[in-house]
Amino acid sequence: MAASTFPLKDELDIVIPTIRNLDFLEMWRPFFQPYHLIIVQDGDPSKVIKVPNGFDYELYNRNDIKKILGPKASCISFKDSACRCFGYMVSKKKYIFTIDDDCFVAKDPTGKDIDALRQHINNLLHPSTPYFFNTLYDPFTDGADFVRGYPFSLREGVPTAVSHGLWLNIPDYDAPTQLVKPRERNTRYVDAVMTIPKGILFPMCGMNLAFDRTLIGPAMYFGLMGDGQPIGRYDDMWAGWCVKVICDHLGLGIKTGLPYIWHSKASNPFVNLKKEYKGIFWQEEMIPFFQDAILPKECTTVQSCYKELAKQVKDKLGKIDPYFVKLADA
């Protein structure tokens, strides 16, 4: 197969957090097979996870994480999909695509299978336009361009650090919304990609996400969640808020929209409510914190920005609960 059939084949890792056999990969085989997979096994490390034949992968479980990180292993969440960020850390590639094991190949309105990975790569390889909104959404999409009145000085755009994909079927709802809308399904396929404007936060979902490690990798830490922590299910959103503040500061872009995947099963809303309970209260203070966060001019790298943000989390959110001090340290 020509390299163009599988773009960035040698520059991209697919990171999958899981607690079960990865039969779902069979469906993705036509799209994923040539790429390298990093599987982060959550939960019981003695359980043997089966990966379908023919995939090139490395698998890490809790014992590996402890062996590699030693005393710092506590910063990788346990019993939460946030463990995936260990995969981002051990990757040596420029790009990462991460997907959950309950996500299948979706079909576009014509009935054709969607190659989600190819669309993510397309998003990442084209500039973003965070400083001025283009009413035709992404001007770099086939059949679109900058509309009349769009400043010429801004048409070059900025590098795209993150591509945030969406989901058909089971929507990504919080527990209270799941409880009141148990039968709701997302059937709307919107053929659009847009850049999230500067200064605007968004809820990032980690189940269908790609990013450029060299541009934003160090900030893609999915927090401290799950076992032994007072909160869960905020890992990807926490990373998204941190990443957005840093991208705005460093002049990088984030795109959202296509590609869609098919999200096959809803998690239990009662279990989710238990995990999210504190987060539902805390987010009312976390979000204003990120909206007001200002990074000093001296912060010119993702690492320095992230350390500064951690310091501010400790100072300002530490007052809400000691958990935030622990999170900032992690």
Foldseek 3Di string as FASTA:
>chain_A
DDCVLQPCQVFEEEFEEEQEALPLCVQVCVQQLSHEYEYEYADDPVDDHHYDPRHHYDYHYLVNLCVVVPPVSLFQAGPARLNRLVVLVPDPHQKYWYAYSQWHFDADPVRHTDSQVVVFVVVQVAAAQQADWAPQADQPDPPHHRDPPDDPVRRRHAGAFKEAEAEWFDHPDALVVCVVCVRDTHPDADPHKHWHHQLDADQGDRRTMMGGCQAAVVLLRQWHFDDPAQAGPCRRRNSRLLRRLVCSVQRHIYMYHDDYIYRHDDDDSVVRCSRCVVVVVCVVVVVVLSSPDDDDPVPNGNVSSLLVVLVSQCVPVCVVDVSSVVRSVD
